[in-house]
Structures are given as structure tokens and as C-alpha cells.
């Protein structure tokens, strides 16, 4: 019994060390008749101001994406915990960056939020705060910001189709609509809103993962979250959930759960 406990402790520690030093790359290829051009999208989420900029830049250099999307929680909620985000943006000055906020940006106090927003507006990153921009003639990118009130605990869903559409205005069904929406737990409402592709994070892969089972805990304090990592499909909507690249403030390490950079190739069908 003692030997089994020692082996389990060793496996546990090795997993933490491995998850600390490795960044996974997860690839998706999406084909659609509405795509009028091929495009490579690199999706980053939940950096939480982690000091891992060099590894991210190495992957960006290799992948050479057309655009980079920051999917929220790139900083923590205090202005002094935002320096790595600005370092990353500065190093990516030759890349097109779109940024939508998550709950930690929304948790900043008024003073820090204004400072953060002012600093971001001086960079080349484009903040999408319930805004829609054209990536091409047929592809729209929507940055959906639900506000902090939507991040309820214990899986109390707070959004609806009406709330989403009131925030982002009318969806053009003739276009292919990609929406950055930090919280994947509201997937059913994104489906109801007829979004084609949702890019989410927030859950950190379930913080710790059990091989062949999945994530253990979500930020809303529910066990074995339904949407923790990967692609989910319902009707016309696909949702890709990134495990993120940083650490939870409450659990500052990963177990069987290395950080993840998502690479999506949009290809004309």
C-alpha cells in the first residue's frame, strides 16, 4: 500500500511539472461553403498574466496565423497583474489582435479598469466589446461581453438569446458568424442565437483532469463540467473551448492539464 501511495504522489508531481513546462497545440479544420477565403486563427484564452510569453511567441512564429484572438482573462483583476499581457501584445506588434474581456477583466475596480482600458487602447490590439467586425466579405467576428453578472456560481445560467442579441445586435444569417464568448457554460443560448462558431475558455480544462474522463471542477464550483475542453456541436453551432494557458488564482497549478493554444483553419469548401 505504501508503495502505491508513493507511486501516485510521483505521478501527481510529474503531471504538475509536465503541465507547467508544456503548451499543447490543438488544431481544428473547419470547412464551409460560406467561407470566401482561407484563414488561420490562433486563439488564446485565460493567460491570467502568466509569465509564458516566450513560449507563446515561439508557437506564433511557427504557425504564422492571419489573426490572433484573445478570449478573455488575459490579465487578473488588479492593474499590477497585467504586465505580461502588454508584453505579449507588444511582441506581437506585426500581428492582428482582437480582444474580448472575460470575468477577471470585468472584476477590476473602476480605477484599475479605466487604467487597463486606457493602456489597451494605446496598443494595436482591437477590443471587441459587443462589437462586430468583418474578417472578410462573408465572415463576421463578434466580441460578446456578457458583463460580470453573467458569471453565476453553481451553474446558474444567466444568459438568453434575447440578452445576447440585445448586446450584439442582429445576426446576419447570410454570413458566417464567429463569436468570442468567454463563458462556455451558456452554450445553449449561443445555439439559440444562431452563432456558427463560438470561441470560449474560462473553465481551464476543469483545472485538473482525469485521463479518459475530463475536467474535475469548473469556476462556478460544479464538478465535471459539461463544457471543459474541445469542440461541441449542436444544430448549426460549433463551440471550441480552450483549456487556457494560465493558472487559476485559487489553484495555481495544473494537473494532467497543460496549457493549450488553439489553432483553427477556416477553409473554403
C-alpha atoms as a PDB file:
ATOM      1  CA  UNK A   1       0.000   0.000   0.000  1.00  0.00           C
ATOM      2  CA  UNK A   2       2.825   2.371   0.890  1.00  0.00           C
ATOM      3  CA  UNK A   3       4.475   1.797  -2.487  1.00  0.00           C
ATOM      4  CA  UNK A   4       1.207   2.552  -4.302  1.00  0.00           C
ATOM      5  CA  UNK A   5       0.865   5.852  -2.412  1.00  0.00           C
ATOM      6  CA  UNK A   6       4.436   6.814  -3.298  1.00  0.00           C
ATOM      7  CA  UNK A   7       3.857   5.983  -6.971  1.00  0.00           C
ATOM      8  CA  UNK A   8       0.664   8.056  -7.022  1.00  0.00           C
ATOM      9  CA  UNK A   9       2.462  11.009  -5.416  1.00  0.00           C
ATOM     10  CA  UNK A  10       5.237  10.756  -8.001  1.00  0.00           C
ATOM     11  CA  UNK A  11       2.714  10.630 -10.862  1.00  0.00           C
ATOM     12  CA  UNK A  12       0.921  13.638  -9.362  1.00  0.00           C
ATOM     13  CA  UNK A  13       4.127  15.683  -9.106  1.00  0.00           C
ATOM     14  CA  UNK A  14       5.329  14.695 -12.575  1.00  0.00           C
ATOM     15  CA  UNK A  15       1.966  15.769 -14.008  1.00  0.00           C
ATOM     16  CA  UNK A  16       2.229  19.190 -12.354  1.00  0.00           C
ATOM     17  CA  UNK A  17       5.782  19.668 -13.645  1.00  0.00           C
ATOM     18  CA  UNK A  18       4.853  18.494 -17.148  1.00  0.00           C
ATOM     19  CA  UNK A  19       1.774  20.714 -17.254  1.00  0.00           C
ATOM     20  CA  UNK A  20       3.899  23.672 -16.148  1.00  0.00           C
ATOM     21  CA  UNK A  21       6.508  23.391 -18.891  1.00  0.00           C
ATOM     22  CA  UNK A  22       4.395  22.234 -21.857  1.00  0.00           C
ATOM     23  CA  UNK A  23       1.955  24.134 -24.068  1.00  0.00           C
ATOM     24  CA  UNK A  24      -0.295  21.933 -26.177  1.00  0.00           C
ATOM     25  CA  UNK A  25      -1.319  22.943 -29.695  1.00  0.00           C
ATOM     26  CA  UNK A  26      -4.795  21.792 -30.658  1.00  0.00           C
ATOM     27  CA  UNK A  27      -5.814  22.065 -34.313  1.00  0.00           C
ATOM     28  CA  UNK A  28      -9.224  22.306 -35.894  1.00  0.00           C
ATOM     29  CA  UNK A  29     -10.030  22.426 -39.598  1.00  0.00           C
ATOM     30  CA  UNK A  30     -13.423  23.905 -40.432  1.00  0.00           C
ATOM     31  CA  UNK A  31     -14.838  23.854 -43.958  1.00  0.00           C
ATOM     32  CA  UNK A  32     -17.875  25.837 -45.015  1.00  0.00           C
ATOM     33  CA  UNK A  33     -19.387  26.991 -48.291  1.00  0.00           C
ATOM     34  CA  UNK A  34     -19.802  30.485 -46.874  1.00  0.00           C
ATOM     35  CA  UNK A  35     -16.059  30.955 -46.409  1.00  0.00           C
ATOM     36  CA  UNK A  36     -14.826  33.280 -49.137  1.00  0.00           C
ATOM     37  CA  UNK A  37     -11.173  32.943 -48.121  1.00  0.00           C
ATOM     38  CA  UNK A  38      -8.895  30.612 -46.219  1.00  0.00           C
ATOM     39  CA  UNK A  39      -7.776  31.885 -42.837  1.00  0.00           C
ATOM     40  CA  UNK A  40      -5.695  30.664 -39.915  1.00  0.00           C
ATOM     41  CA  UNK A  41      -6.865  31.797 -36.482  1.00  0.00           C
ATOM     42  CA  UNK A  42      -4.785  31.430 -33.330  1.00  0.00           C
ATOM     43  CA  UNK A  43      -6.930  31.525 -30.191  1.00  0.00           C
ATOM     44  CA  UNK A  44      -5.517  32.336 -26.741  1.00  0.00           C
ATOM     45  CA  UNK A  45      -7.511  32.393 -23.519  1.00  0.00           C
ATOM     46  CA  UNK A  46      -7.005  32.676 -19.769  1.00  0.00           C
ATOM     47  CA  UNK A  47      -3.384  33.797 -19.651  1.00  0.00           C
ATOM     48  CA  UNK A  48      -4.001  35.276 -16.194  1.00  0.00           C
ATOM     49  CA  UNK A  49      -0.786  37.272 -16.606  1.00  0.00           C
ATOM     50  CA  UNK A  50       1.314  34.102 -16.524  1.00  0.00           C
ATOM     51  CA  UNK A  51       4.963  34.539 -17.414  1.00  0.00           C
ATOM     52  CA  UNK A  52       4.905  32.356 -20.524  1.00  0.00           C
ATOM     53  CA  UNK A  53       5.206  34.960 -23.270  1.00  0.00           C
ATOM     54  CA  UNK A  54       8.338  33.446 -24.833  1.00  0.00           C
ATOM     55  CA  UNK A  55       6.690  30.049 -25.434  1.00  0.00           C
ATOM     56  CA  UNK A  56       3.625  31.700 -26.937  1.00  0.00           C
ATOM     57  CA  UNK A  57       5.768  33.749 -29.302  1.00  0.00           C
ATOM     58  CA  UNK A  58       7.645  30.647 -30.445  1.00  0.00           C
ATOM     59  CA  UNK A  59       4.369  28.986 -31.432  1.00  0.00           C
ATOM     60  CA  UNK A  60       3.092  32.138 -33.144  1.00  0.00           C
ATOM     61  CA  UNK A  61       6.307  32.333 -35.184  1.00  0.00           C
ATOM     62  CA  UNK A  62       5.896  28.736 -36.316  1.00  0.00           C
ATOM     63  CA  UNK A  63       2.166  28.968 -37.067  1.00  0.00           C
ATOM     64  CA  UNK A  64       2.138  32.462 -38.607  1.00  0.00           C
ATOM     65  CA  UNK A  65      -1.635  32.984 -38.139  1.00  0.00           C
ATOM     66  CA  UNK A  66      -3.649  35.560 -40.045  1.00  0.00           C
ATOM     67  CA  UNK A  67      -5.263  36.803 -36.843  1.00  0.00           C
ATOM     68  CA  UNK A  68      -4.854  36.233 -33.109  1.00  0.00           C
ATOM     69  CA  UNK A  69      -7.835  36.254 -30.766  1.00  0.00           C
ATOM     70  CA  UNK A  70      -7.563  36.942 -27.046  1.00  0.00           C
ATOM     71  CA  UNK A  71     -10.605  35.276 -25.481  1.00  0.00           C
ATOM     72  CA  UNK A  72     -10.690  36.890 -22.034  1.00  0.00           C
ATOM     73  CA  UNK A  73      -8.995  36.611 -18.634  1.00  0.00           C
ATOM     74  CA  UNK A  74      -5.673  37.516 -20.185  1.00  0.00           C
ATOM     75  CA  UNK A  75      -4.994  39.535 -17.034  1.00  0.00           C
ATOM     76  CA  UNK A  76      -6.068  39.256 -13.429  1.00  0.00           C
ATOM     77  CA  UNK A  77      -8.311  41.795 -11.748  1.00  0.00           C
ATOM     78  CA  UNK A  78      -5.574  44.067 -10.392  1.00  0.00           C
ATOM     79  CA  UNK A  79      -3.720  46.522 -12.628  1.00  0.00           C
ATOM     80  CA  UNK A  80      -0.370  45.332 -11.284  1.00  0.00           C
ATOM     81  CA  UNK A  81      -1.158  41.875 -12.680  1.00  0.00           C
ATOM     82  CA  UNK A  82      -1.412  42.966 -16.314  1.00  0.00           C
ATOM     83  CA  UNK A  83       2.201  43.460 -17.397  1.00  0.00           C
ATOM     84  CA  UNK A  84       2.568  40.109 -19.217  1.00  0.00           C
ATOM     85  CA  UNK A  85      -0.454  40.889 -21.383  1.00  0.00           C
ATOM     86  CA  UNK A  86       1.081  44.135 -22.587  1.00  0.00           C
ATOM     87  CA  UNK A  87       4.433  42.466 -23.128  1.00  0.00           C
ATOM     88  CA  UNK A  88       2.735  39.840 -25.308  1.00  0.00           C
ATOM     89  CA  UNK A  89       0.789  42.436 -27.303  1.00  0.00           C
ATOM     90  CA  UNK A  90       3.930  44.478 -27.846  1.00  0.00           C
ATOM     91  CA  UNK A  91       5.874  41.454 -29.083  1.00  0.00           C
ATOM     92  CA  UNK A  92       3.012  40.685 -31.475  1.00  0.00           C
ATOM     93  CA  UNK A  93       3.006  44.179 -32.959  1.00  0.00           C
ATOM     94  CA  UNK A  94       3.096  42.813 -36.503  1.00  0.00           C
ATOM     95  CA  UNK A  95       0.003  40.661 -35.899  1.00  0.00           C
ATOM     96  CA  UNK A  96      -3.686  41.493 -35.987  1.00  0.00           C
ATOM     97  CA  UNK A  97      -5.111  41.001 -32.484  1.00  0.00           C
ATOM     98  CA  UNK A  98      -8.737  41.026 -31.359  1.00  0.00           C
ATOM     99  CA  UNK A  99      -9.503  41.077 -27.644  1.00  0.00           C
ATOM    100  CA  UNK A 100     -12.756  40.357 -25.777  1.00  0.00           C
ATOM    101  CA  UNK A 101     -12.905  40.529 -21.993  1.00  0.00           C
ATOM    102  CA  UNK A 102     -13.621  37.721 -19.535  1.00  0.00           C
ATOM    103  CA  UNK A 103     -14.778  37.801 -15.933  1.00  0.00           C
ATOM    104  CA  UNK A 104     -11.404  38.796 -14.458  1.00  0.00           C
ATOM    105  CA  UNK A 105     -11.154  41.946 -16.563  1.00  0.00           C
ATOM    106  CA  UNK A 106     -14.753  42.684 -15.543  1.00  0.00           C
ATOM    107  CA  UNK A 107     -13.849  42.150 -11.863  1.00  0.00           C
ATOM    108  CA  UNK A 108     -11.414  45.071 -11.842  1.00  0.00           C
ATOM    109  CA  UNK A 109     -12.366  48.021  -9.677  1.00  0.00           C
ATOM    110  CA  UNK A 110     -13.311  51.190 -11.558  1.00  0.00           C
ATOM    111  CA  UNK A 111      -9.884  52.791 -11.224  1.00  0.00           C
ATOM    112  CA  UNK A 112      -7.940  49.732 -12.427  1.00  0.00           C
ATOM    113  CA  UNK A 113     -10.455  49.060 -15.209  1.00  0.00           C
ATOM    114  CA  UNK A 114     -10.069  52.589 -16.588  1.00  0.00           C
ATOM    115  CA  UNK A 115      -6.273  52.355 -16.400  1.00  0.00           C
ATOM    116  CA  UNK A 116      -6.299  48.969 -18.112  1.00  0.00           C
ATOM    117  CA  UNK A 117      -8.669  50.096 -20.845  1.00  0.00           C
ATOM    118  CA  UNK A 118      -6.644  53.244 -21.434  1.00  0.00           C
ATOM    119  CA  UNK A 119      -3.414  51.246 -21.776  1.00  0.00           C
ATOM    120  CA  UNK A 120      -5.046  48.728 -24.113  1.00  0.00           C
ATOM    121  CA  UNK A 121      -6.430  51.486 -26.312  1.00  0.00           C
ATOM    122  CA  UNK A 122      -2.878  52.724 -26.829  1.00  0.00           C
ATOM    123  CA  UNK A 123      -1.831  49.353 -28.253  1.00  0.00           C
ATOM    124  CA  UNK A 124      -2.648  47.965 -31.698  1.00  0.00           C
ATOM    125  CA  UNK A 125      -4.988  45.321 -30.217  1.00  0.00           C
ATOM    126  CA  UNK A 126      -8.624  45.854 -31.178  1.00  0.00           C
ATOM    127  CA  UNK A 127     -11.052  45.491 -28.258  1.00  0.00           C
ATOM    128  CA  UNK A 128     -14.366  43.985 -29.305  1.00  0.00           C
ATOM    129  CA  UNK A 129     -16.876  44.972 -26.639  1.00  0.00           C
ATOM    130  CA  UNK A 130     -20.187  43.739 -28.029  1.00  0.00           C
ATOM    131  CA  UNK A 131     -18.992  44.741 -31.471  1.00  0.00           C
ATOM    132  CA  UNK A 132     -18.972  43.031 -34.845  1.00  0.00           C
ATOM    133  CA  UNK A 133     -16.236  43.417 -37.441  1.00  0.00           C
ATOM    134  CA  UNK A 134     -15.715  41.845 -40.860  1.00  0.00           C
ATOM    135  CA  UNK A 135     -12.848  39.403 -41.223  1.00  0.00           C
ATOM    136  CA  UNK A 136     -13.826  39.055 -44.888  1.00  0.00           C
ATOM    137  CA  UNK A 137     -16.850  39.706 -47.055  1.00  0.00           C
ATOM    138  CA  UNK A 138     -18.621  36.616 -45.685  1.00  0.00           C
ATOM    139  CA  UNK A 139     -17.046  36.133 -42.250  1.00  0.00           C
ATOM    140  CA  UNK A 140     -18.014  38.216 -39.212  1.00  0.00           C
ATOM    141  CA  UNK A 141     -16.217  38.282 -35.861  1.00  0.00           C
ATOM    142  CA  UNK A 142     -18.307  39.229 -32.837  1.00  0.00           C
ATOM    143  CA  UNK A 143     -16.875  40.077 -29.438  1.00  0.00           C
ATOM    144  CA  UNK A 144     -19.542  39.300 -26.836  1.00  0.00           C
ATOM    145  CA  UNK A 145     -19.106  40.759 -23.362  1.00  0.00           C
ATOM    146  CA  UNK A 146     -21.774  39.422 -21.016  1.00  0.00           C
ATOM    147  CA  UNK A 147     -20.701  41.521 -18.020  1.00  0.00           C
ATOM    148  CA  UNK A 148     -19.738  40.165 -14.624  1.00  0.00           C
ATOM    149  CA  UNK A 149     -23.337  39.444 -13.550  1.00  0.00           C
ATOM    150  CA  UNK A 150     -23.494  36.549 -16.015  1.00  0.00           C
ATOM    151  CA  UNK A 151     -20.806  34.580 -14.151  1.00  0.00           C
ATOM    152  CA  UNK A 152     -23.078  32.943 -11.618  1.00  0.00           C
ATOM    153  CA  UNK A 153     -21.881  30.283  -9.212  1.00  0.00           C
ATOM    154  CA  UNK A 154     -23.155  26.711  -9.052  1.00  0.00           C
ATOM    155  CA  UNK A 155     -24.103  26.667 -12.742  1.00  0.00           C
ATOM    156  CA  UNK A 156     -26.976  29.153 -12.586  1.00  0.00           C
ATOM    157  CA  UNK A 157     -27.259  30.128 -16.236  1.00  0.00           C
ATOM    158  CA  UNK A 158     -27.738  33.839 -16.673  1.00  0.00           C
ATOM    159  CA  UNK A 159     -27.985  34.454 -20.401  1.00  0.00           C
ATOM    160  CA  UNK A 160     -30.659  34.076 -23.046  1.00  0.00           C
ATOM    161  CA  UNK A 161     -30.992  34.681 -26.767  1.00  0.00           C
ATOM    162  CA  UNK A 162     -32.682  37.996 -26.005  1.00  0.00           C
ATOM    163  CA  UNK A 163     -29.827  39.211 -23.785  1.00  0.00           C
ATOM    164  CA  UNK A 164     -27.193  38.188 -26.326  1.00  0.00           C
ATOM    165  CA  UNK A 165     -28.922  39.768 -29.307  1.00  0.00           C
ATOM    166  CA  UNK A 166     -29.691  42.942 -27.346  1.00  0.00           C
ATOM    167  CA  UNK A 167     -25.961  43.214 -26.691  1.00  0.00           C
ATOM    168  CA  UNK A 168     -24.540  42.415 -30.114  1.00  0.00           C
ATOM    169  CA  UNK A 169     -27.494  43.483 -32.300  1.00  0.00           C
ATOM    170  CA  UNK A 170     -28.864  41.490 -35.201  1.00  0.00           C
ATOM    171  CA  UNK A 171     -27.083  38.391 -36.507  1.00  0.00           C
ATOM    172  CA  UNK A 172     -26.646  38.323 -40.280  1.00  0.00           C
ATOM    173  CA  UNK A 173     -27.543  34.716 -41.061  1.00  0.00           C
ATOM    174  CA  UNK A 174     -26.182  35.024 -44.584  1.00  0.00           C
ATOM    175  CA  UNK A 175     -22.680  35.446 -43.165  1.00  0.00           C
ATOM    176  CA  UNK A 176     -20.563  33.012 -41.184  1.00  0.00           C
ATOM    177  CA  UNK A 177     -20.609  34.397 -37.635  1.00  0.00           C
ATOM    178  CA  UNK A 178     -17.779  33.713 -35.196  1.00  0.00           C
ATOM    179  CA  UNK A 179     -18.393  34.880 -31.637  1.00  0.00           C
ATOM    180  CA  UNK A 180     -15.820  35.228 -28.879  1.00  0.00           C
ATOM    181  CA  UNK A 181     -17.749  34.426 -25.698  1.00  0.00           C
ATOM    182  CA  UNK A 182     -15.631  33.719 -22.650  1.00  0.00           C
ATOM    183  CA  UNK A 183     -18.121  31.545 -20.759  1.00  0.00           C
ATOM    184  CA  UNK A 184     -18.877  28.184 -22.468  1.00  0.00           C
ATOM    185  CA  UNK A 185     -21.482  27.188 -19.883  1.00  0.00           C
ATOM    186  CA  UNK A 186     -24.053  29.263 -21.806  1.00  0.00           C
ATOM    187  CA  UNK A 187     -23.730  27.100 -24.940  1.00  0.00           C
ATOM    188  CA  UNK A 188     -27.481  26.558 -25.327  1.00  0.00           C
ATOM    189  CA  UNK A 189     -28.060  30.315 -25.572  1.00  0.00           C
ATOM    190  CA  UNK A 190     -25.356  30.649 -28.227  1.00  0.00           C
ATOM    191  CA  UNK A 191     -27.090  27.889 -30.193  1.00  0.00           C
ATOM    192  CA  UNK A 192     -30.427  29.678 -29.869  1.00  0.00           C
ATOM    193  CA  UNK A 193     -28.767  32.829 -31.219  1.00  0.00           C
ATOM    194  CA  UNK A 194     -27.706  31.004 -34.426  1.00  0.00           C
ATOM    195  CA  UNK A 195     -23.993  31.623 -33.989  1.00  0.00           C
ATOM    196  CA  UNK A 196     -21.887  29.454 -36.313  1.00  0.00           C
ATOM    197  CA  UNK A 197     -18.705  29.245 -34.223  1.00  0.00           C
ATOM    198  CA  UNK A 198     -18.172  30.175 -30.577  1.00  0.00           C
ATOM    199  CA  UNK A 199     -14.700  30.546 -29.063  1.00  0.00           C
ATOM    200  CA  UNK A 200     -14.640  30.142 -25.284  1.00  0.00           C
ATOM    201  CA  UNK A 201     -12.325  29.495 -22.362  1.00  0.00           C
ATOM    202  CA  UNK A 202     -12.969  30.234 -18.675  1.00  0.00           C
ATOM    203  CA  UNK A 203     -13.103  26.650 -17.375  1.00  0.00           C
ATOM    204  CA  UNK A 204      -9.323  25.999 -17.553  1.00  0.00           C
ATOM    205  CA  UNK A 205      -9.985  22.476 -18.779  1.00  0.00           C
ATOM    206  CA  UNK A 206     -11.603  21.691 -15.442  1.00  0.00           C
ATOM    207  CA  UNK A 207      -8.493  22.830 -13.508  1.00  0.00           C
ATOM    208  CA  UNK A 208      -7.308  19.244 -13.012  1.00  0.00           C
ATOM    209  CA  UNK A 209      -8.161  16.459 -15.454  1.00  0.00           C
ATOM    210  CA  UNK A 210      -8.696  12.755 -15.020  1.00  0.00           C
ATOM    211  CA  UNK A 211      -7.418  10.830 -18.066  1.00  0.00           C
ATOM    212  CA  UNK A 212     -10.296   9.489 -20.234  1.00  0.00           C
ATOM    213  CA  UNK A 213     -12.862  11.309 -18.056  1.00  0.00           C
ATOM    214  CA  UNK A 214     -12.123  15.034 -18.331  1.00  0.00           C
ATOM    215  CA  UNK A 215     -12.078  18.106 -16.146  1.00  0.00           C
ATOM    216  CA  UNK A 216     -12.920  17.900 -12.460  1.00  0.00           C
ATOM    217  CA  UNK A 217     -14.089  21.374 -11.437  1.00  0.00           C
ATOM    218  CA  UNK A 218     -15.398  24.495 -13.178  1.00  0.00           C
ATOM    219  CA  UNK A 219     -15.056  28.095 -11.933  1.00  0.00           C
ATOM    220  CA  UNK A 220     -18.753  28.062 -11.000  1.00  0.00           C
ATOM    221  CA  UNK A 221     -17.967  25.318  -8.451  1.00  0.00           C
ATOM    222  CA  UNK A 222     -19.635  22.429 -10.239  1.00  0.00           C
ATOM    223  CA  UNK A 223     -17.901  19.081 -10.630  1.00  0.00           C
ATOM    224  CA  UNK A 224     -17.201  17.511 -14.012  1.00  0.00           C
ATOM    225  CA  UNK A 225     -18.301  20.496 -16.139  1.00  0.00           C
ATOM    226  CA  UNK A 226     -20.152  19.621 -19.322  1.00  0.00           C
ATOM    227  CA  UNK A 227     -18.105  22.005 -21.479  1.00  0.00           C
ATOM    228  CA  UNK A 228     -14.472  21.890 -20.359  1.00  0.00           C
ATOM    229  CA  UNK A 229     -12.324  21.341 -23.454  1.00  0.00           C
ATOM    230  CA  UNK A 230     -12.653  20.580 -27.143  1.00  0.00           C
ATOM    231  CA  UNK A 231     -15.376  21.063 -29.740  1.00  0.00           C
ATOM    232  CA  UNK A 232     -19.105  20.797 -29.095  1.00  0.00           C
ATOM    233  CA  UNK A 233     -21.711  20.745 -31.872  1.00  0.00           C
ATOM    234  CA  UNK A 234     -25.428  21.416 -31.740  1.00  0.00           C
ATOM    235  CA  UNK A 235     -27.559  22.324 -34.747  1.00  0.00           C
ATOM    236  CA  UNK A 236     -25.579  24.849 -36.804  1.00  0.00           C
ATOM    237  CA  UNK A 237     -23.360  25.924 -33.879  1.00  0.00           C
ATOM    238  CA  UNK A 238     -19.879  24.722 -33.088  1.00  0.00           C
ATOM    239  CA  UNK A 239     -18.192  25.777 -29.855  1.00  0.00           C
ATOM    240  CA  UNK A 240     -14.464  25.379 -29.307  1.00  0.00           C
ATOM    241  CA  UNK A 241     -13.410  25.566 -25.655  1.00  0.00           C
ATOM    242  CA  UNK A 242      -9.770  26.248 -24.885  1.00  0.00           C
ATOM    243  CA  UNK A 243      -8.203  24.912 -21.701  1.00  0.00           C
ATOM    244  CA  UNK A 244      -6.407  28.237 -21.430  1.00  0.00           C
ATOM    245  CA  UNK A 245      -2.746  28.917 -20.823  1.00  0.00           C
ATOM    246  CA  UNK A 246      -2.592  30.347 -17.298  1.00  0.00           C
ATOM    247  CA  UNK A 247      -3.410  29.345 -13.761  1.00  0.00           C
ATOM    248  CA  UNK A 248      -6.440  29.747 -11.561  1.00  0.00           C
ATOM    249  CA  UNK A 249      -5.720  32.136  -8.680  1.00  0.00           C
ATOM    250  CA  UNK A 250      -7.223  29.672  -6.214  1.00  0.00           C
ATOM    251  CA  UNK A 251      -5.390  26.636  -7.614  1.00  0.00           C
ATOM    252  CA  UNK A 252      -2.107  27.951  -9.088  1.00  0.00           C
ATOM    253  CA  UNK A 253      -1.075  24.782 -10.914  1.00  0.00           C
ATOM    254  CA  UNK A 254      -2.393  22.281 -13.472  1.00  0.00           C
ATOM    255  CA  UNK A 255      -2.777  18.524 -13.075  1.00  0.00           C
ATOM    256  CA  UNK A 256      -2.826  16.341 -16.216  1.00  0.00           C
ATOM    257  CA  UNK A 257      -3.808  19.595 -17.856  1.00  0.00           C
ATOM    258  CA  UNK A 258      -1.103  21.514 -19.765  1.00  0.00           C
ATOM    259  CA  UNK A 259      -1.946  24.926 -21.181  1.00  0.00           C
ATOM    260  CA  UNK A 260      -3.420  24.993 -24.649  1.00  0.00           C
ATOM    261  CA  UNK A 261      -3.134  27.151 -27.742  1.00  0.00           C
ATOM    262  CA  UNK A 262      -5.931  26.580 -30.240  1.00  0.00           C
ATOM    263  CA  UNK A 263      -5.261  26.851 -33.983  1.00  0.00           C
ATOM    264  CA  UNK A 264      -8.266  26.960 -36.300  1.00  0.00           C
ATOM    265  CA  UNK A 265      -8.003  26.730 -40.072  1.00  0.00           C
ATOM    266  CA  UNK A 266     -11.017  28.122 -41.910  1.00  0.00           C
ATOM    267  CA  UNK A 267     -11.043  26.573 -45.363  1.00  0.00           C
ATOM    268  CA  UNK A 268     -13.255  27.194 -48.340  1.00  0.00           C
ATOM    269  CA  UNK A 269     -15.346  24.136 -49.118  1.00  0.00           C
END
